[in-house]
Amino acid sequence: MKRLLTFFIVITSLISCSTSNEQQDKKEILTLMDQQQSAWSKHDLEGFMRGYWKSDSLKFYGSNGLTYGWNKTLANYKKGYPTPDHSGELKFKINDISKIENESYYVMGEYHLTRKVGNADGVFMIIFKKINGEWKIVADTSC
């Protein structure tokens, strides 16, 4: 009976710890996305890109197809949103955050741009991975 009780306590502690870690991970990811919203809304595209993995292996899939690399993704943002009137104010609506595996999550949601040149709305699915202790977007599908 003592062994069974000890086993139950250990399992309960592990599950509780795992749930606590997941909640912390999600909180950190949402904080990063809040920082991205703020940077974008100030037309700080480089600041917005701080949330992305600065690597040639970054993948972005949008209406123009697949883009590889942080620099190319930033260049595409600068081309598509050349002025504050084009970037506007960004608001995310998060619909789901789910753990994929250790230190990886996907986030599904919507983006809403309020802009002088016309509003824009769409959906996204992004994959976050913890790299060198920081959450970074390693793949982004937006349309």
N, C-alpha and C. Protein backbone atom coordinates (compact mmCIF):
# COMPACT_ATOMS: atom_id res chain seq x y z
N MET A 1 0.82 -1.20 0.00
CA MET A 1 0.00 0.00 0.00
C MET A 1 0.86 1.26 0.00
N LYS A 2 1.98 1.22 0.80
CA LYS A 2 2.86 2.38 0.83
C LYS A 2 3.48 2.64 -0.54
N ARG A 3 3.85 1.56 -1.23
CA ARG A 3 4.45 1.71 -2.57
C ARG A 3 3.45 2.33 -3.54
N LEU A 4 2.21 1.88 -3.46
CA LEU A 4 1.17 2.41 -4.34
C LEU A 4 0.94 3.89 -4.05
N LEU A 5 0.91 4.26 -2.80
CA LEU A 5 0.73 5.66 -2.42
C LEU A 5 1.91 6.50 -2.88
N THR A 6 3.13 5.99 -2.71
CA THR A 6 4.33 6.70 -3.17
C THR A 6 4.30 6.87 -4.69
N PHE A 7 3.93 5.81 -5.39
CA PHE A 7 3.83 5.86 -6.85
C PHE A 7 2.83 6.93 -7.27
N PHE A 8 1.67 6.96 -6.63
CA PHE A 8 0.63 7.93 -6.94
C PHE A 8 1.11 9.36 -6.70
N ILE A 9 1.80 9.58 -5.61
CA ILE A 9 2.33 10.92 -5.30
C ILE A 9 3.35 11.36 -6.33
N VAL A 10 4.25 10.46 -6.73
CA VAL A 10 5.26 10.78 -7.74
C VAL A 10 4.61 11.12 -9.07
N ILE A 11 3.66 10.30 -9.50
CA ILE A 11 2.97 10.55 -10.78
C ILE A 11 2.21 11.87 -10.74
N THR A 12 1.51 12.12 -9.67
CA THR A 12 0.76 13.37 -9.52
C THR A 12 1.70 14.57 -9.56
N SER A 13 2.84 14.47 -8.92
CA SER A 13 3.83 15.56 -8.92
C SER A 13 4.36 15.80 -10.32
N LEU A 14 4.64 14.74 -11.05
CA LEU A 14 5.16 14.89 -12.41
C LEU A 14 4.12 15.54 -13.32
N ILE A 15 2.89 15.13 -13.22
CA ILE A 15 1.83 15.71 -14.04
C ILE A 15 1.65 17.18 -13.68
N SER A 16 1.63 17.50 -12.40
CA SER A 16 1.49 18.88 -11.96
C SER A 16 2.63 19.74 -12.45
N CYS A 17 3.85 19.23 -12.38
CA CYS A 17 5.03 19.96 -12.84
C CYS A 17 4.95 20.19 -14.34
N SER A 18 4.53 19.17 -15.09
CA SER A 18 4.41 19.28 -16.54
C SER A 18 3.37 20.33 -16.92
N THR A 19 2.23 20.32 -16.24
CA THR A 19 1.18 21.30 -16.50
C THR A 19 1.67 22.71 -16.19
N SER A 20 2.40 22.85 -15.10
CA SER A 20 2.95 24.15 -14.71
C SER A 20 3.94 24.65 -15.76
N ASN A 21 4.80 23.76 -16.24
CA ASN A 21 5.76 24.13 -17.28
C ASN A 21 5.05 24.54 -18.56
N GLU A 22 4.02 23.81 -18.95
CA GLU A 22 3.27 24.17 -20.16
C GLU A 22 2.63 25.53 -20.02
N GLN A 23 2.05 25.81 -18.87
CA GLN A 23 1.43 27.12 -18.65
C GLN A 23 2.47 28.24 -18.75
N GLN A 24 3.65 28.01 -18.20
CA GLN A 24 4.73 29.00 -18.27
C GLN A 24 5.18 29.19 -19.71
N ASP A 25 5.33 28.09 -20.45
CA ASP A 25 5.73 28.16 -21.86
C ASP A 25 4.72 28.99 -22.65
N LYS A 26 3.45 28.71 -22.46
CA LYS A 26 2.40 29.43 -23.19
C LYS A 26 2.40 30.91 -22.83
N LYS A 27 2.62 31.21 -21.57
CA LYS A 27 2.68 32.60 -21.13
C LYS A 27 3.84 33.32 -21.82
N GLU A 28 4.99 32.68 -21.90
CA GLU A 28 6.16 33.28 -22.55
C GLU A 28 5.91 33.49 -24.05
N ILE A 29 5.28 32.53 -24.69
CA ILE A 29 4.96 32.64 -26.12
C ILE A 29 4.00 33.81 -26.35
N LEU A 30 2.97 33.90 -25.53
CA LEU A 30 2.01 35.01 -25.67
C LEU A 30 2.66 36.36 -25.41
N THR A 31 3.59 36.42 -24.48
CA THR A 31 4.32 37.66 -24.21
C THR A 31 5.12 38.06 -25.45
N LEU A 32 5.77 37.11 -26.07
CA LEU A 32 6.53 37.38 -27.29
C LEU A 32 5.61 37.89 -28.40
N MET A 33 4.45 37.26 -28.53
CA MET A 33 3.51 37.70 -29.57
C MET A 33 2.97 39.10 -29.27
N ASP A 34 2.79 39.43 -28.00
CA ASP A 34 2.38 40.80 -27.63
C ASP A 34 3.46 41.81 -28.04
N GLN A 35 4.73 41.43 -27.83
CA GLN A 35 5.84 42.31 -28.23
C GLN A 35 5.86 42.48 -29.75
N GLN A 36 5.56 41.41 -30.47
CA GLN A 36 5.50 41.50 -31.94
C GLN A 36 4.38 42.42 -32.38
N GLN A 37 3.21 42.30 -31.77
CA GLN A 37 2.09 43.19 -32.10
C GLN A 37 2.48 44.64 -31.93
N SER A 38 3.13 44.92 -30.82
CA SER A 38 3.53 46.29 -30.51
C SER A 38 4.55 46.81 -31.52
N ALA A 39 5.56 46.00 -31.81
CA ALA A 39 6.59 46.41 -32.78
C ALA A 39 5.97 46.66 -34.15
N TRP A 40 5.14 45.74 -34.60
CA TRP A 40 4.51 45.89 -35.93
C TRP A 40 3.69 47.18 -35.99
N SER A 41 2.93 47.44 -34.95
CA SER A 41 2.05 48.60 -34.93
C SER A 41 2.83 49.92 -34.90
N LYS A 42 4.12 49.85 -34.58
CA LYS A 42 5.01 51.03 -34.64
C LYS A 42 5.81 51.03 -35.94
N HIS A 43 5.47 50.15 -36.85
CA HIS A 43 6.19 49.95 -38.11
C HIS A 43 7.67 49.61 -37.86
N ASP A 44 7.91 48.89 -36.78
CA ASP A 44 9.25 48.40 -36.44
C ASP A 44 9.33 46.95 -36.90
N LEU A 45 9.57 46.76 -38.19
CA LEU A 45 9.56 45.42 -38.76
C LEU A 45 10.73 44.57 -38.24
N GLU A 46 11.87 45.21 -37.99
CA GLU A 46 13.00 44.47 -37.40
C GLU A 46 12.65 44.01 -35.99
N GLY A 47 11.98 44.86 -35.24
CA GLY A 47 11.52 44.48 -33.90
C GLY A 47 10.52 43.33 -33.96
N PHE A 48 9.62 43.39 -34.92
CA PHE A 48 8.67 42.30 -35.13
C PHE A 48 9.40 40.99 -35.41
N MET A 49 10.46 41.08 -36.21
CA MET A 49 11.21 39.88 -36.61
C MET A 49 12.06 39.29 -35.48
N ARG A 50 12.21 40.00 -34.37
CA ARG A 50 12.95 39.44 -33.23
C ARG A 50 12.30 38.16 -32.71
N GLY A 51 11.02 37.99 -33.00
CA GLY A 51 10.32 36.78 -32.60
C GLY A 51 10.63 35.57 -33.46
N TYR A 52 11.29 35.82 -34.59
CA TYR A 52 11.61 34.74 -35.53
C TYR A 52 13.04 34.24 -35.32
N TRP A 53 13.25 33.00 -35.65
CA TRP A 53 14.57 32.37 -35.60
C TRP A 53 15.45 33.02 -36.66
N LYS A 54 16.53 33.62 -36.27
CA LYS A 54 17.42 34.30 -37.22
C LYS A 54 18.34 33.26 -37.85
N SER A 55 17.79 32.58 -38.85
CA SER A 55 18.46 31.45 -39.49
C SER A 55 18.00 31.34 -40.94
N ASP A 56 18.87 30.79 -41.76
CA ASP A 56 18.49 30.49 -43.15
C ASP A 56 17.48 29.35 -43.21
N SER A 57 17.28 28.65 -42.09
CA SER A 57 16.34 27.52 -42.04
C SER A 57 14.92 27.94 -41.65
N LEU A 58 14.73 29.22 -41.29
CA LEU A 58 13.38 29.71 -41.02
C LEU A 58 12.53 29.49 -42.26
N LYS A 59 11.28 29.06 -42.06
CA LYS A 59 10.36 28.85 -43.18
C LYS A 59 9.13 29.72 -43.00
N PHE A 60 8.75 30.43 -44.08
CA PHE A 60 7.54 31.23 -44.10
C PHE A 60 6.74 30.83 -45.33
N TYR A 61 5.50 30.43 -45.12
CA TYR A 61 4.65 30.02 -46.23
C TYR A 61 3.44 30.93 -46.28
N GLY A 62 3.36 31.70 -47.36
CA GLY A 62 2.25 32.64 -47.52
C GLY A 62 1.72 32.61 -48.93
N SER A 63 1.04 33.66 -49.32
CA SER A 63 0.39 33.71 -50.64
C SER A 63 1.40 33.69 -51.79
N ASN A 64 2.65 34.07 -51.53
CA ASN A 64 3.68 34.05 -52.58
C ASN A 64 4.51 32.76 -52.55
N GLY A 65 4.07 31.77 -51.80
CA GLY A 65 4.78 30.51 -51.74
C GLY A 65 5.70 30.43 -50.53
N LEU A 66 6.65 29.52 -50.61
CA LEU A 66 7.55 29.24 -49.50
C LEU A 66 8.79 30.12 -49.58
N THR A 67 9.10 30.76 -48.45
CA THR A 67 10.30 31.58 -48.32
C THR A 67 11.19 30.94 -47.26
N TYR A 68 12.48 30.87 -47.55
CA TYR A 68 13.45 30.35 -46.58
C TYR A 68 14.31 31.51 -46.08
N GLY A 69 14.52 31.54 -44.77
CA GLY A 69 15.49 32.46 -44.21
C GLY A 69 14.91 33.71 -43.59
N TRP A 70 15.58 34.14 -42.51
CA TRP A 70 15.18 35.32 -41.77
C TRP A 70 15.32 36.58 -42.62
N ASN A 71 16.46 36.73 -43.29
CA ASN A 71 16.71 37.94 -44.08
C ASN A 71 15.71 38.08 -45.22
N LYS A 72 15.40 37.00 -45.90
CA LYS A 72 14.45 37.05 -47.02
C LYS A 72 13.04 37.35 -46.49
N THR A 73 12.69 36.79 -45.34
CA THR A 73 11.37 37.06 -44.76
C THR A 73 11.25 38.54 -44.39
N LEU A 74 12.29 39.10 -43.77
CA LEU A 74 12.27 40.52 -43.44
C LEU A 74 12.18 41.36 -44.71
N ALA A 75 12.93 41.02 -45.73
CA ALA A 75 12.89 41.76 -47.00
C ALA A 75 11.48 41.74 -47.59
N ASN A 76 10.81 40.59 -47.51
CA ASN A 76 9.44 40.50 -48.02
C ASN A 76 8.48 41.37 -47.22
N TYR A 77 8.65 41.41 -45.90
CA TYR A 77 7.82 42.29 -45.08
C TYR A 77 8.05 43.75 -45.45
N LYS A 78 9.30 44.14 -45.63
CA LYS A 78 9.61 45.53 -45.98
C LYS A 78 9.02 45.90 -47.33
N LYS A 79 9.05 44.97 -48.27
CA LYS A 79 8.50 45.22 -49.60
C LYS A 79 6.96 45.31 -49.55
N GLY A 80 6.33 44.42 -48.79
CA GLY A 80 4.88 44.37 -48.72
C GLY A 80 4.25 45.44 -47.83
N TYR A 81 5.05 45.93 -46.87
CA TYR A 81 4.54 46.92 -45.90
C TYR A 81 5.55 48.07 -45.81
N PRO A 82 5.69 48.85 -46.88
CA PRO A 82 6.76 49.84 -46.95
C PRO A 82 6.60 51.06 -46.04
N THR A 83 5.38 51.35 -45.60
CA THR A 83 5.14 52.54 -44.79
C THR A 83 4.23 52.18 -43.60
N PRO A 84 4.18 53.05 -42.61
CA PRO A 84 3.24 52.81 -41.50
C PRO A 84 1.79 52.70 -41.97
N ASP A 85 1.43 53.40 -43.05
CA ASP A 85 0.07 53.28 -43.58
C ASP A 85 -0.21 51.87 -44.07
N HIS A 86 0.83 51.17 -44.54
CA HIS A 86 0.68 49.80 -45.04
C HIS A 86 0.71 48.76 -43.91
N SER A 87 1.51 49.02 -42.90
CA SER A 87 1.59 48.03 -41.81
C SER A 87 0.43 48.20 -40.83
N GLY A 88 0.04 49.43 -40.55
CA GLY A 88 -1.11 49.68 -39.70
C GLY A 88 -0.94 49.18 -38.28
N GLU A 89 -2.07 48.89 -37.65
CA GLU A 89 -2.08 48.37 -36.28
C GLU A 89 -2.44 46.88 -36.33
N LEU A 90 -1.60 46.07 -35.70
CA LEU A 90 -1.78 44.62 -35.71
C LEU A 90 -2.43 44.14 -34.41
N LYS A 91 -3.40 43.27 -34.58
CA LYS A 91 -4.04 42.58 -33.44
C LYS A 91 -4.09 41.10 -33.77
N PHE A 92 -3.62 40.28 -32.83
CA PHE A 92 -3.73 38.83 -32.95
C PHE A 92 -4.95 38.35 -32.16
N LYS A 93 -5.59 37.33 -32.67
CA LYS A 93 -6.59 36.57 -31.92
C LYS A 93 -6.07 35.14 -31.89
N ILE A 94 -5.73 34.67 -30.71
CA ILE A 94 -5.17 33.33 -30.57
C ILE A 94 -6.32 32.35 -30.36
N ASN A 95 -6.39 31.33 -31.21
CA ASN A 95 -7.45 30.34 -31.11
C ASN A 95 -6.98 29.04 -30.46
N ASP A 96 -5.68 28.74 -30.55
CA ASP A 96 -5.18 27.50 -29.96
C ASP A 96 -3.66 27.57 -29.81
N ILE A 97 -3.18 27.08 -28.69
CA ILE A 97 -1.75 26.85 -28.48
C ILE A 97 -1.63 25.43 -27.98
N SER A 98 -0.89 24.60 -28.70
CA SER A 98 -0.74 23.20 -28.32
C SER A 98 0.71 22.78 -28.38
N LYS A 99 1.07 21.97 -27.42
CA LYS A 99 2.43 21.43 -27.37
C LYS A 99 2.58 20.37 -28.45
N ILE A 100 3.68 20.44 -29.18
CA ILE A 100 3.99 19.43 -30.19
C ILE A 100 4.87 18.36 -29.54
N GLU A 101 5.93 18.81 -28.93
CA GLU A 101 6.87 17.96 -28.21
C GLU A 101 7.62 18.86 -27.24
N ASN A 102 8.62 18.32 -26.59
CA ASN A 102 9.40 19.13 -25.66
C ASN A 102 9.91 20.39 -26.34
N GLU A 103 9.58 21.52 -25.75
CA GLU A 103 10.05 22.83 -26.20
C GLU A 103 9.64 23.19 -27.63
N SER A 104 8.48 22.72 -28.06
CA SER A 104 7.90 23.10 -29.35
C SER A 104 6.38 23.18 -29.21
N TYR A 105 5.82 24.26 -29.76
CA TYR A 105 4.37 24.47 -29.74
C TYR A 105 3.93 24.99 -31.09
N TYR A 106 2.66 24.72 -31.42
CA TYR A 106 2.07 25.43 -32.55
C TYR A 106 1.01 26.37 -32.01
N VAL A 107 0.87 27.49 -32.72
CA VAL A 107 -0.13 28.50 -32.37
C VAL A 107 -0.98 28.74 -33.60
N MET A 108 -2.29 28.61 -33.45
CA MET A 108 -3.24 28.91 -34.53
C MET A 108 -4.03 30.15 -34.14
N GLY A 109 -4.22 31.01 -35.11
CA GLY A 109 -4.97 32.22 -34.79
C GLY A 109 -5.31 33.04 -36.00
N GLU A 110 -5.70 34.26 -35.71
CA GLU A 110 -6.08 35.22 -36.74
C GLU A 110 -5.28 36.49 -36.53
N TYR A 111 -5.04 37.19 -37.63
CA TYR A 111 -4.44 38.51 -37.52
C TYR A 111 -5.39 39.52 -38.14
N HIS A 112 -5.38 40.70 -37.57
CA HIS A 112 -6.24 41.78 -38.06
C HIS A 112 -5.39 43.04 -38.14
N LEU A 113 -5.30 43.60 -39.34
CA LEU A 113 -4.57 44.84 -39.58
C LEU A 113 -5.57 45.96 -39.84
N THR A 114 -5.51 46.98 -39.03
CA THR A 114 -6.31 48.19 -39.25
C THR A 114 -5.36 49.20 -39.88
N ARG A 115 -5.65 49.59 -41.15
CA ARG A 115 -4.69 50.42 -41.90
C ARG A 115 -5.41 51.50 -42.71
N LYS A 116 -4.66 52.56 -42.99
CA LYS A 116 -5.19 53.64 -43.83
C LYS A 116 -5.37 53.20 -45.28
N VAL A 117 -4.60 52.23 -45.73
CA VAL A 117 -4.69 51.77 -47.12
C VAL A 117 -5.71 50.64 -47.28
N GLY A 118 -6.46 50.35 -46.22
CA GLY A 118 -7.45 49.28 -46.25
C GLY A 118 -7.07 48.18 -45.27
N ASN A 119 -8.05 47.75 -44.53
CA ASN A 119 -7.80 46.73 -43.53
C ASN A 119 -7.49 45.39 -44.18
N ALA A 120 -6.81 44.54 -43.42
CA ALA A 120 -6.49 43.19 -43.90
C ALA A 120 -6.64 42.22 -42.75
N ASP A 121 -7.19 41.07 -43.06
CA ASP A 121 -7.40 40.02 -42.06
C ASP A 121 -6.94 38.70 -42.65
N GLY A 122 -6.56 37.79 -41.78
CA GLY A 122 -6.17 36.47 -42.24
C GLY A 122 -5.97 35.52 -41.08
N VAL A 123 -5.49 34.34 -41.42
CA VAL A 123 -5.24 33.31 -40.42
C VAL A 123 -3.78 32.89 -40.48
N PHE A 124 -3.33 32.27 -39.39
CA PHE A 124 -1.94 31.81 -39.35
C PHE A 124 -1.83 30.56 -38.50
N MET A 125 -0.77 29.84 -38.76
CA MET A 125 -0.31 28.78 -37.87
C MET A 125 1.20 28.92 -37.81
N ILE A 126 1.71 29.14 -36.61
CA ILE A 126 3.14 29.30 -36.44
C ILE A 126 3.66 28.23 -35.48
N ILE A 127 4.90 27.88 -35.68
CA ILE A 127 5.55 26.89 -34.82
C ILE A 127 6.66 27.58 -34.06
N PHE A 128 6.57 27.48 -32.74
CA PHE A 128 7.59 28.02 -31.84
C PHE A 128 8.47 26.89 -31.34
N LYS A 129 9.75 27.18 -31.23
CA LYS A 129 10.70 26.24 -30.66
C LYS A 129 11.61 27.04 -29.72
N LYS A 130 11.95 26.44 -28.60
CA LYS A 130 12.86 27.10 -27.67
C LYS A 130 14.28 26.84 -28.16
N ILE A 131 14.97 27.93 -28.50
CA ILE A 131 16.33 27.85 -29.03
C ILE A 131 17.22 28.71 -28.14
N ASN A 132 18.25 28.11 -27.59
CA ASN A 132 19.16 28.81 -26.69
C ASN A 132 18.41 29.56 -25.59
N GLY A 133 17.36 28.92 -25.06
CA GLY A 133 16.62 29.49 -23.94
C GLY A 133 15.57 30.52 -24.31
N GLU A 134 15.37 30.77 -25.62
CA GLU A 134 14.39 31.77 -26.05
C GLU A 134 13.40 31.13 -27.02
N TRP A 135 12.13 31.54 -26.92
CA TRP A 135 11.13 31.09 -27.86
C TRP A 135 11.31 31.83 -29.17
N LYS A 136 11.34 31.07 -30.27
CA LYS A 136 11.48 31.65 -31.60
C LYS A 136 10.52 30.95 -32.55
N ILE A 137 10.00 31.71 -33.50
CA ILE A 137 9.18 31.14 -34.56
C ILE A 137 10.12 30.51 -35.57
N VAL A 138 9.93 29.21 -35.83
CA VAL A 138 10.78 28.50 -36.80
C VAL A 138 10.03 28.24 -38.11
N ALA A 139 8.70 28.34 -38.06
CA ALA A 139 7.89 28.16 -39.27
C ALA A 139 6.61 28.97 -39.10
N ASP A 140 6.18 29.60 -40.19
CA ASP A 140 5.01 30.47 -40.18
C ASP A 140 4.23 30.25 -41.46
N THR A 141 2.96 29.95 -41.31
CA THR A 141 2.05 29.87 -42.44
C THR A 141 0.99 30.93 -42.21
N SER A 142 0.93 31.92 -43.07
CA SER A 142 -0.02 33.01 -42.93
C SER A 142 -0.69 33.27 -44.26
N CYS A 143 -1.98 33.49 -44.21
CA CYS A 143 -2.69 33.88 -45.44
C CYS A 143 -3.92 34.70 -45.08
